[in-house]
Amino acid sequence: MNEKYPFQEIEPKWQAYWREHGLFDVDPSQTDNKYYCLMMFPYPSGTLHVGHGRNYIIGDAVTRYKKMQGLNVLTPMGWDAFGLPAENAAIKTGTHPRESTLNNIKVIKEQLNTWGCCYDWNREVTSCLPDYYKWTQWLFIRLYERGLAYRAKAPVNWCPSCATVLANEQVVDGCCERCEAVVEPRELEQWFFKITDYAQRLLDDLSKLDGWPERVKIMQENWIGRSEGTRVAFRLIPREDGAPDAQDSVPCYTTRVDTIYGCTYMVLAPEYPALSEMIKGLPQEQAVLEYIAKSGKMSRIDRTADSTEKTGVFTGRYVVNPYNGETVPLWVADYVLMEYGTGAVMAVPAHDTRDWAFAKNYGLDIRISIQNPEQSLALDEMTGAYTEDGICVDSGPFSGIPNREAIKKMTEYAAEQEFGGFQIHYRLRDWLISRQRYWGAPIPMIYCEQCGLVPVPDTDLPVLLPDTVEFRPDGKSPLAQSEEFMRVDCPACGRAARRESDTMDTFVDSSWYFLRYMNARDETRAIDTDLCDKWLPVDQYIGGIEHAILHLMYARFFTKALYDIGLIHFDEPFAHLFTQGMICKRSDKDGQLYKMSKSKGNVVSPVELLREYGADTVRLYTLFIGPPEKDAEWNDQGVEGAFRFLRRIWRKIYDHHELLAQAKGLTPRLDDMAGPERDLYRKMHETIQRITRDMDGDFHFNTAIAQIMELMNAVDALEVTPESPESCRAVFRETMETVVLLLSPFAPHIAEELWQELGYAPSILNAAWPLVNEAALHRDRIELVLQVNGKVRGHVMVSADADREAIEAEALNDEHVKKWIEGKTVRKVIVVPGRLVNVAVS
């Protein structure tokens, strides 16, 4: 055994051993004690830094722990390999996306290996290869056949930097979530998935997800955004020039129909689909069009913020309030968004803060329709909108009714008069999947002048990406410029036709990959229903909180749709979800703490760390840095501390190598133990109990590692030599074995090597996770905190079996307590078993 900790030698040695012996390979037909542990697969845009590594190191630690518990753990890995970055790089450098992506995969795969992160590579999937995207296309056709995939002209979010359309979920505060460019509105023919058909199920089934973080469920609930309200159609007054309108009314959705008698104007979102037609030829047309263009450059958050000045422009049109027959002007304003309701809002400035600000800005009427029952409102005294509950006033037949009661009555009236009625509204919008880019799965549809839209026959899948296209940053699909790709015969009538030139959003690829791992090499079907039903839902899913809405919502939708089609027989994909926090570091540029990124100048590359300290040190520090569900700050000095701890364990076994060898086979017996070894034996089993609890709960790796460190402190306190009693040597031997076993999920290479040095055949993964000896936990005496009137005044040792009366007597006899109760009356003595005694005096 080397005296110095030789991580450079042992780490590649054990990585090769795990690989050659297939220790992470799984036969999926063997489902006894199955456990599906899955890390979100990475996008191979370049090399991984230590911030990326947290996800995979966490997943590997869980996998190793579960394997040592005797579970049959499936832990596959693949690549979310389509996407904009590779295509943008092709535009800049001329390197084909396929070449750069596959090269990146090779590099990252090697990085994962050097970290000691092991997977069943027999199940590897790569979404950009035809053997995967063939089945993505096949699933698209199945959704199309059920009416869940459709094409429509609609306002879309256009990213001028990425030169493509974005789904609503990919727009954050009015900007592209990837490049942060301000998103512009456009109207295009696009493909959508009808996720809104599943809105209520996606909402209701959150109650099934007991193993998910509450905050993720709340985020999804808020994104689905269910509300109950009233739909009201305001009749559009015909144009003076007699020109026809595409619609004769402007419907709106409101949760506050009780205020409608205070409506003094109506507002449309700048993106309102019929707006350009409504204003065509009117004197206001140019002003409205200029306003639409200007508002399109603002972020959503700026448009709706209370602090932003509320601006708008009159359209020149009017609508009629169906409740009182009053004519109200129709405005367009940027504080109204198409994402909510119908894109039209009845404005009641007396009872809505944004309407109030707008009305004040433009001198529009303000009318009270809900009166404060406690303090009468007067317009000339109001400094802002009254948004609380109250009594309906100046509201026709509904006057005098409490406003919450009026909501129901007014909604019923709208239904009776057939201009509206009760409506459930969802914030969720259909998933826009069209992308005007090359590097994605081609949408398998054909346009025929005779037959219309025709799906590509299953026998003709996959629709392959052409090898050669011209990459241009003009927003036009490179596929549309390839005649070789676009030309095709209609499969229905045989006439000349053209292919769809859009590709699919990469989130489509990641919405079903966890199913494909079951039959990754199967050329006959997308999904092995039998194996999926046996192994899924995924037992433990691990990934970043940033995917709480996009990926997780889409994966849930796909799972439910495939359940309805009959391809699987479960309707939620992930039983337990763990979302790790980000690793942050202070920027070299401004000293501020940021998530690691090249742009912030705070990336820590693992290459130098692995060379200087080894993978186990990087793993240990990454897991010890803080609670894994929270963000944590990277500190280079902390890495050195993790390295010293591993070296300390190595040295302990090196220094006692002969003693440990001689003690192999000795069995510690409680009856033979003296004080010091008895204390160490108890500490060892307390550590096993606490770490097992940490690992079975919320993966508190940081506290688990801290417990191992404490145990090593107790080991160092034990004086042991070859001449020590057998009981002492037996406890020392078992404790060091336990340290190595407990360390194994976190620092597997050193654990494997030390396990072998302790005389065992590899691998430590085949060894059982240590079990708690309940008898060892028993203490003869325990320490209790002493309090007087709730303040700590000392500590006392009492017999572990002492009854309440004996504990009270010990406490009152304690010199510290006597000092604080002298001359006072003891009113009560409170004993909290195993913790404290509080003496209440006056």
Foldseek 3Di string as FASTA:
>chain_A
DDLFDPQVPLLVVVLVVCVVVVVAAADLVDQVLEAEQEEQAEELLAEDFLLVVLQLLLSLLLQLQSLLQVHRYAYAYEHLYFDLSLLVVCQVPVDHSVVNRVVSVVNHVVVCSQLVRDHNHVLYDYCLDQLQLLQLLVLLVVQVVVVQKDKDKAKFWAALVSLKTAWPVQQDQQAGVPPRARTFIDIDIFMFGPLVVCLVVLLVCLVLQPQEDPVLNVVQNVQQPKDKWKKFWWAWDDDPVRDDAPDGTDIWTDRQVLLLLLQAAKEFELRQPRLQVVLPPPPCNVVSVVVSRVLRRGGLCLLQPLPHQKDWAFSPIWTASVQPRDIHTYIYTNNFDCLPTNRMGRQAFQADQSSVRHCVVVVTDHDDFFAAPVDGDDPVPDPGHHHDWHAGDPRPPRGRPTSVVVRQVVQVVCVVVVRMHMDIDTSDDTTGWWILEQRAQFNQWWADPVPGIDGDDSVPPDLDRDPDFDRDSPSHRSQVVDPVSFWDADPVPRHIIGGDRTHTHSLSSLLCSVQCSQPVPDSPHRGDQVSCQSCDLNAEYEEAPVCSHPNQSSNLSSQQVCCVVPSYPDRHRHNHYAHFEGEWEQAPPPRDIDGDDVVRRGTHHCPVVCVVQNSLLSLLCSLQQFFGRYYGYDDPVSSVVSSVVLRVLVSVCVVCLVLLLVLPPQAADCVPDDDLLLVLLLLLLVLLVVLVVCSVPNVNSNVNVVSLVVSVVSLVVDDDDSPDDSNNSNSSNVSSLLSLLSSCSRRPSSSQVVCVSSPDDDDSSNHHNDHHDVVSNDDQKAKEFEAEPRHTQGIDIDGLPDDPVVVVVRNCPDPSNCVVCPPWAFPDWDDDRRYYIYTYTD
